[in-house]
Amino acid sequence: MSEEIRAEMVANVWKVVAGVGDTVAEGDTLVILESMKMEIPVLAEAGGTVGELAVNEGDVVQEGDLIAVID
């Protein structure tokens, strides 16, 4: 079963940490968002393999936008 990771707020994608095909554990950082000069890590909610990464560094995400899919 796949787990979709979505943005919780409007923010800029400051850094992409994980890539497609990477194995991640629950709690690993996938990307780091920046909002109001604060860095907000987006964490894997389950362990698995990053099957899709829907953002790139410099992108702007809106609340609810897809960031990644963990397979």
PDB file of N, CA and C in Angstrom:
ATOM      1  N   MET A   1       0.841  -1.189   0.000  1.00  0.00           N
ATOM      2  CA  MET A   1       0.000   0.000   0.000  1.00  0.00           C
ATOM      3  C   MET A   1       0.881   1.246   0.000  1.00  0.00           C
ATOM      4  N   SER A   2       0.516   2.223  -0.787  1.00  0.00           N
ATOM      5  CA  SER A   2       1.294   3.460  -0.895  1.00  0.00           C
ATOM      6  C   SER A   2       0.818   4.486   0.132  1.00  0.00           C
ATOM      7  N   GLU A   3       1.759   5.295   0.578  1.00  0.00           N
ATOM      8  CA  GLU A   3       1.475   6.368   1.541  1.00  0.00           C
ATOM      9  C   GLU A   3       1.789   7.696   0.860  1.00  0.00           C
ATOM     10  N   GLU A   4       0.785   8.573   0.727  1.00  0.00           N
ATOM     11  CA  GLU A   4       1.002   9.887   0.131  1.00  0.00           C
ATOM     12  C   GLU A   4       1.409  10.877   1.213  1.00  0.00           C
ATOM     13  N   ILE A   5       2.466  11.619   0.943  1.00  0.00           N
ATOM     14  CA  ILE A   5       2.929  12.655   1.861  1.00  0.00           C
ATOM     15  C   ILE A   5       2.549  13.994   1.232  1.00  0.00           C
ATOM     16  N   ARG A   6       1.797  14.800   1.984  1.00  0.00           N
ATOM     17  CA  ARG A   6       1.287  16.067   1.455  1.00  0.00           C
ATOM     18  C   ARG A   6       1.765  17.247   2.303  1.00  0.00           C
ATOM     19  N   ALA A   7       1.828  18.403   1.672  1.00  0.00           N
ATOM     20  CA  ALA A   7       2.243  19.632   2.352  1.00  0.00           C
ATOM     21  C   ALA A   7       1.180  20.042   3.367  1.00  0.00           C
ATOM     22  N   GLU A   8       1.633  20.480   4.522  1.00  0.00           N
ATOM     23  CA  GLU A   8       0.703  20.928   5.567  1.00  0.00           C
ATOM     24  C   GLU A   8       0.499  22.436   5.550  1.00  0.00           C
ATOM     25  N   MET A   9       1.272  23.145   4.698  1.00  0.00           N
ATOM     26  CA  MET A   9       1.185  24.601   4.651  1.00  0.00           C
ATOM     27  C   MET A   9       1.743  25.106   3.327  1.00  0.00           C
ATOM     28  N   VAL A  10       1.495  26.365   3.034  1.00  0.00           N
ATOM     29  CA  VAL A  10       2.111  27.016   1.885  1.00  0.00           C
ATOM     30  C   VAL A  10       3.571  27.268   2.244  1.00  0.00           C
ATOM     31  N   ALA A  11       4.481  26.837   1.365  1.00  0.00           N
ATOM     32  CA  ALA A  11       5.909  26.988   1.665  1.00  0.00           C
ATOM     33  C   ALA A  11       6.719  26.814   0.387  1.00  0.00           C
ATOM     34  N   ASN A  12       7.991  27.187   0.471  1.00  0.00           N
ATOM     35  CA  ASN A  12       8.950  26.940  -0.595  1.00  0.00           C
ATOM     36  C   ASN A  12       9.677  25.639  -0.293  1.00  0.00           C
ATOM     37  N   VAL A  13       9.975  24.870  -1.341  1.00  0.00           N
ATOM     38  CA  VAL A  13      10.786  23.661  -1.170  1.00  0.00           C
ATOM     39  C   VAL A  13      12.239  24.131  -1.123  1.00  0.00           C
ATOM     40  N   TRP A  14      12.821  24.074   0.067  1.00  0.00           N
ATOM     41  CA  TRP A  14      14.177  24.566   0.274  1.00  0.00           C
ATOM     42  C   TRP A  14      15.213  23.528  -0.122  1.00  0.00           C
ATOM     43  N   LYS A  15      14.991  22.273   0.282  1.00  0.00           N
ATOM     44  CA  LYS A  15      15.960  21.218  -0.013  1.00  0.00           C
ATOM     45  C   LYS A  15      15.242  19.877  -0.166  1.00  0.00           C
ATOM     46  N   VAL A  16      15.619  19.139  -1.200  1.00  0.00           N
ATOM     47  CA  VAL A  16      15.115  17.778  -1.392  1.00  0.00           C
ATOM     48  C   VAL A  16      16.180  16.840  -0.831  1.00  0.00           C
ATOM     49  N   VAL A  17      15.808  16.028   0.150  1.00  0.00           N
ATOM     50  CA  VAL A  17      16.753  15.143   0.838  1.00  0.00           C
ATOM     51  C   VAL A  17      16.726  13.735   0.256  1.00  0.00           C
ATOM     52  N   ALA A  18      15.541  13.212  -0.014  1.00  0.00           N
ATOM     53  CA  ALA A  18      15.393  11.843  -0.516  1.00  0.00           C
ATOM     54  C   ALA A  18      15.048  11.873  -2.003  1.00  0.00           C
ATOM     55  N   GLY A  19      15.446  10.824  -2.706  1.00  0.00           N
ATOM     56  CA  GLY A  19      15.160  10.728  -4.127  1.00  0.00           C
ATOM     57  C   GLY A  19      14.342   9.496  -4.443  1.00  0.00           C
ATOM     58  N   VAL A  20      13.807   9.451  -5.652  1.00  0.00           N
ATOM     59  CA  VAL A  20      13.046   8.291  -6.098  1.00  0.00           C
ATOM     60  C   VAL A  20      13.950   7.064  -6.042  1.00  0.00           C
ATOM     61  N   GLY A  21      13.421   5.991  -5.458  1.00  0.00           N
ATOM     62  CA  GLY A  21      14.184   4.756  -5.324  1.00  0.00           C
ATOM     63  C   GLY A  21      14.899   4.616  -3.998  1.00  0.00           C
ATOM     64  N   ASP A  22      14.996   5.715  -3.236  1.00  0.00           N
ATOM     65  CA  ASP A  22      15.639   5.652  -1.914  1.00  0.00           C
ATOM     66  C   ASP A  22      14.766   4.881  -0.929  1.00  0.00           C
ATOM     67  N   THR A  23      15.409   4.117  -0.069  1.00  0.00           N
ATOM     68  CA  THR A  23      14.702   3.436   1.015  1.00  0.00           C
ATOM     69  C   THR A  23      14.703   4.356   2.224  1.00  0.00           C
ATOM     70  N   VAL A  24      13.521   4.571   2.807  1.00  0.00           N
ATOM     71  CA  VAL A  24      13.393   5.455   3.964  1.00  0.00           C
ATOM     72  C   VAL A  24      12.692   4.719   5.103  1.00  0.00           C
ATOM     73  N   ALA A  25      12.986   5.158   6.315  1.00  0.00           N
ATOM     74  CA  ALA A  25      12.318   4.634   7.507  1.00  0.00           C
ATOM     75  C   ALA A  25      11.310   5.667   7.988  1.00  0.00           C
ATOM     76  N   GLU A  26      10.347   5.221   8.758  1.00  0.00           N
ATOM     77  CA  GLU A  26       9.388   6.152   9.351  1.00  0.00           C
ATOM     78  C   GLU A  26      10.149   7.220  10.124  1.00  0.00           C
ATOM     79  N   GLY A  27       9.827   8.478   9.867  1.00  0.00           N
ATOM     80  CA  GLY A  27      10.476   9.585  10.556  1.00  0.00           C
ATOM     81  C   GLY A  27      11.658  10.182   9.819  1.00  0.00           C
ATOM     82  N   ASP A  28      12.109   9.556   8.718  1.00  0.00           N
ATOM     83  CA  ASP A  28      13.204  10.127   7.928  1.00  0.00           C
ATOM     84  C   ASP A  28      12.719  11.387   7.219  1.00  0.00           C
ATOM     85  N   THR A  29      13.614  12.345   7.045  1.00  0.00           N
ATOM     86  CA  THR A  29      13.295  13.583   6.338  1.00  0.00           C
ATOM     87  C   THR A  29      13.306  13.336   4.837  1.00  0.00           C
ATOM     88  N   LEU A  30      12.229  13.749   4.167  1.00  0.00           N
ATOM     89  CA  LEU A  30      12.126  13.629   2.709  1.00  0.00           C
ATOM     90  C   LEU A  30      12.529  14.932   2.028  1.00  0.00           C
ATOM     91  N   VAL A  31      11.948  16.019   2.465  1.00  0.00           N
ATOM     92  CA  VAL A  31      12.272  17.349   1.955  1.00  0.00           C
ATOM     93  C   VAL A  31      12.232  18.331   3.122  1.00  0.00           C
ATOM     94  N   ILE A  32      12.831  19.490   2.902  1.00  0.00           N
ATOM     95  CA  ILE A  32      12.764  20.562   3.899  1.00  0.00           C
ATOM     96  C   ILE A  32      12.082  21.751   3.239  1.00  0.00           C
ATOM     97  N   LEU A  33      10.999  22.189   3.865  1.00  0.00           N
ATOM     98  CA  LEU A  33      10.263  23.356   3.393  1.00  0.00           C
ATOM     99  C   LEU A  33      10.740  24.586   4.142  1.00  0.00           C
ATOM    100  N   GLU A  34      10.547  25.754   3.526  1.00  0.00           N
ATOM    101  CA  GLU A  34      10.886  27.019   4.178  1.00  0.00           C
ATOM    102  C   GLU A  34       9.668  27.916   4.111  1.00  0.00           C
ATOM    103  N   SER A  35       9.276  28.427   5.268  1.00  0.00           N
ATOM    104  CA  SER A  35       8.154  29.348   5.346  1.00  0.00           C
ATOM    105  C   SER A  35       8.443  30.357   6.449  1.00  0.00           C
ATOM    106  N   MET A  36       8.330  31.624   6.128  1.00  0.00           N
ATOM    107  CA  MET A  36       8.565  32.699   7.101  1.00  0.00           C
ATOM    108  C   MET A  36       9.926  32.527   7.795  1.00  0.00           C
ATOM    109  N   LYS A  37      10.953  32.186   6.995  1.00  0.00           N
ATOM    110  CA  LYS A  37      12.333  32.024   7.457  1.00  0.00           C
ATOM    111  C   LYS A  37      12.508  30.871   8.439  1.00  0.00           C
ATOM    112  N   MET A  38      11.547  29.958   8.475  1.00  0.00           N
ATOM    113  CA  MET A  38      11.656  28.759   9.306  1.00  0.00           C
ATOM    114  C   MET A  38      11.810  27.555   8.402  1.00  0.00           C
ATOM    115  N   GLU A  39      12.670  26.622   8.794  1.00  0.00           N
ATOM    116  CA  GLU A  39      12.840  25.373   8.043  1.00  0.00           C
ATOM    117  C   GLU A  39      11.953  24.306   8.665  1.00  0.00           C
ATOM    118  N   ILE A  40      11.131  23.682   7.836  1.00  0.00           N
ATOM    119  CA  ILE A  40      10.173  22.677   8.313  1.00  0.00           C
ATOM    120  C   ILE A  40      10.451  21.351   7.597  1.00  0.00           C
ATOM    121  N   PRO A  41      10.950  20.339   8.316  1.00  0.00           N
ATOM    122  CA  PRO A  41      11.181  19.051   7.664  1.00  0.00           C
ATOM    123  C   PRO A  41       9.858  18.331   7.402  1.00  0.00           C
ATOM    124  N   VAL A  42       9.777  17.684   6.246  1.00  0.00           N
ATOM    125  CA  VAL A  42       8.635  16.830   5.909  1.00  0.00           C
ATOM    126  C   VAL A  42       9.127  15.405   6.080  1.00  0.00           C
ATOM    127  N   LEU A  43       8.488  14.664   6.974  1.00  0.00           N
ATOM    128  CA  LEU A  43       8.959  13.345   7.365  1.00  0.00           C
ATOM    129  C   LEU A  43       8.155  12.226   6.714  1.00  0.00           C
ATOM    130  N   ALA A  44       8.824  11.099   6.494  1.00  0.00           N
ATOM    131  CA  ALA A  44       8.140   9.898   6.009  1.00  0.00           C
ATOM    132  C   ALA A  44       7.220   9.405   7.116  1.00  0.00           C
ATOM    133  N   GLU A  45       5.970   9.145   6.764  1.00  0.00           N
ATOM    134  CA  GLU A  45       4.997   8.671   7.754  1.00  0.00           C
ATOM    135  C   GLU A  45       5.026   7.158   7.888  1.00  0.00           C
ATOM    136  N   ALA A  46       5.757   6.504   6.980  1.00  0.00           N
ATOM    137  CA  ALA A  46       5.910   5.050   7.019  1.00  0.00           C
ATOM    138  C   ALA A  46       7.219   4.703   6.324  1.00  0.00           C
ATOM    139  N   GLY A  47       7.755   3.560   6.643  1.00  0.00           N
ATOM    140  CA  GLY A  47       8.959   3.110   5.973  1.00  0.00           C
ATOM    141  C   GLY A  47       8.636   2.527   4.612  1.00  0.00           C
ATOM    142  N   GLY A  48       9.615   2.533   3.715  1.00  0.00           N
ATOM    143  CA  GLY A  48       9.428   1.959   2.394  1.00  0.00           C
ATOM    144  C   GLY A  48      10.387   2.572   1.393  1.00  0.00           C
ATOM    145  N   THR A  49       9.976   2.559   0.151  1.00  0.00           N
ATOM    146  CA  THR A  49      10.785   3.107  -0.942  1.00  0.00           C
ATOM    147  C   THR A  49      10.074   4.316  -1.523  1.00  0.00           C
ATOM    148  N   VAL A  50      10.824   5.379  -1.788  1.00  0.00           N
ATOM    149  CA  VAL A  50      10.243   6.571  -2.407  1.00  0.00           C
ATOM    150  C   VAL A  50       9.898   6.205  -3.852  1.00  0.00           C
ATOM    151  N   GLY A  51       8.606   6.130  -4.133  1.00  0.00           N
ATOM    152  CA  GLY A  51       8.138   5.747  -5.460  1.00  0.00           C
ATOM    153  C   GLY A  51       7.916   6.932  -6.372  1.00  0.00           C
ATOM    154  N   GLU A  52       7.629   8.089  -5.775  1.00  0.00           N
ATOM    155  CA  GLU A  52       7.396   9.313  -6.550  1.00  0.00           C
ATOM    156  C   GLU A  52       7.802  10.499  -5.709  1.00  0.00           C
ATOM    157  N   LEU A  53       8.434  11.471  -6.352  1.00  0.00           N
ATOM    158  CA  LEU A  53       8.781  12.721  -5.702  1.00  0.00           C
ATOM    159  C   LEU A  53       8.184  13.819  -6.572  1.00  0.00           C
ATOM    160  N   ALA A  54       7.205  14.533  -6.045  1.00  0.00           N
ATOM    161  CA  ALA A  54       6.418  15.464  -6.852  1.00  0.00           C
ATOM    162  C   ALA A  54       6.905  16.903  -6.777  1.00  0.00           C
ATOM    163  N   VAL A  55       8.015  17.157  -6.089  1.00  0.00           N
ATOM    164  CA  VAL A  55       8.524  18.522  -5.942  1.00  0.00           C
ATOM    165  C   VAL A  55      10.006  18.581  -6.277  1.00  0.00           C
ATOM    166  N   ASN A  56      10.453  19.782  -6.601  1.00  0.00           N
ATOM    167  CA  ASN A  56      11.864  20.072  -6.836  1.00  0.00           C
ATOM    168  C   ASN A  56      12.263  21.251  -5.976  1.00  0.00           C
ATOM    169  N   GLU A  57      13.566  21.373  -5.706  1.00  0.00           N
ATOM    170  CA  GLU A  57      14.034  22.526  -4.939  1.00  0.00           C
ATOM    171  C   GLU A  57      13.623  23.804  -5.656  1.00  0.00           C
ATOM    172  N   GLY A  58      13.112  24.765  -4.895  1.00  0.00           N
ATOM    173  CA  GLY A  58      12.660  26.031  -5.452  1.00  0.00           C
ATOM    174  C   GLY A  58      11.171  26.086  -5.756  1.00  0.00           C
ATOM    175  N   ASP A  59      10.506  24.928  -5.772  1.00  0.00           N
ATOM    176  CA  ASP A  59       9.059  24.915  -6.004  1.00  0.00           C
ATOM    177  C   ASP A  59       8.322  25.554  -4.833  1.00  0.00           C
ATOM    178  N   VAL A  60       7.123  26.040  -5.106  1.00  0.00           N
ATOM    179  CA  VAL A  60       6.218  26.522  -4.061  1.00  0.00           C
ATOM    180  C   VAL A  60       5.091  25.505  -3.952  1.00  0.00           C
ATOM    181  N   VAL A  61       4.821  25.038  -2.738  1.00  0.00           N
ATOM    182  CA  VAL A  61       3.721  24.101  -2.515  1.00  0.00           C
ATOM    183  C   VAL A  61       2.605  24.790  -1.746  1.00  0.00           C
ATOM    184  N   GLN A  62       1.397  24.353  -2.041  1.00  0.00           N
ATOM    185  CA  GLN A  62       0.219  24.835  -1.338  1.00  0.00           C
ATOM    186  C   GLN A  62      -0.211  23.764  -0.346  1.00  0.00           C
ATOM    187  N   GLU A  63      -0.975  24.142   0.646  1.00  0.00           N
ATOM    188  CA  GLU A  63      -1.482  23.168   1.612  1.00  0.00           C
ATOM    189  C   GLU A  63      -2.229  22.060   0.868  1.00  0.00           C
ATOM    190  N   GLY A  64      -1.856  20.817   1.148  1.00  0.00           N
ATOM    191  CA  GLY A  64      -2.495  19.667   0.531  1.00  0.00           C
ATOM    192  C   GLY A  64      -1.822  19.159  -0.729  1.00  0.00           C
ATOM    193  N   ASP A  65      -0.837  19.888  -1.253  1.00  0.00           N
ATOM    194  CA  ASP A  65      -0.126  19.431  -2.452  1.00  0.00           C
ATOM    195  C   ASP A  65       0.663  18.167  -2.160  1.00  0.00           C
ATOM    196  N   LEU A  66       0.728  17.287  -3.144  1.00  0.00           N
ATOM    197  CA  LEU A  66       1.499  16.046  -3.016  1.00  0.00           C
ATOM    198  C   LEU A  66       2.991  16.366  -3.028  1.00  0.00           C
ATOM    199  N   ILE A  67       3.707  15.812  -2.049  1.00  0.00           N
ATOM    200  CA  ILE A  67       5.157  15.962  -2.001  1.00  0.00           C
ATOM    201  C   ILE A  67       5.834  14.677  -2.457  1.00  0.00           C
ATOM    202  N   ALA A  68       5.401  13.541  -1.913  1.00  0.00           N
ATOM    203  CA  ALA A  68       6.038  12.274  -2.252  1.00  0.00           C
ATOM    204  C   ALA A  68       5.072  11.130  -2.012  1.00  0.00           C
ATOM    205  N   VAL A  69       5.389   9.977  -2.624  1.00  0.00           N
ATOM    206  CA  VAL A  69       4.652   8.747  -2.393  1.00  0.00           C
ATOM    207  C   VAL A  69       5.650   7.703  -1.929  1.00  0.00           C
ATOM    208  N   ILE A  70       5.345   7.063  -0.806  1.00  0.00           N
ATOM    209  CA  ILE A  70       6.176   5.998  -0.251  1.00  0.00           C
ATOM    210  C   ILE A  70       5.479   4.669  -0.557  1.00  0.00           C
ATOM    211  N   ASP A  71       6.184   3.769  -1.240  1.00  0.00           N
ATOM    212  CA  ASP A  71       5.636   2.453  -1.565  1.00  0.00           C
ATOM    213  C   ASP A  71       6.080   1.427  -0.550  1.00  0.00           C
TER     214      ASP A  71
END
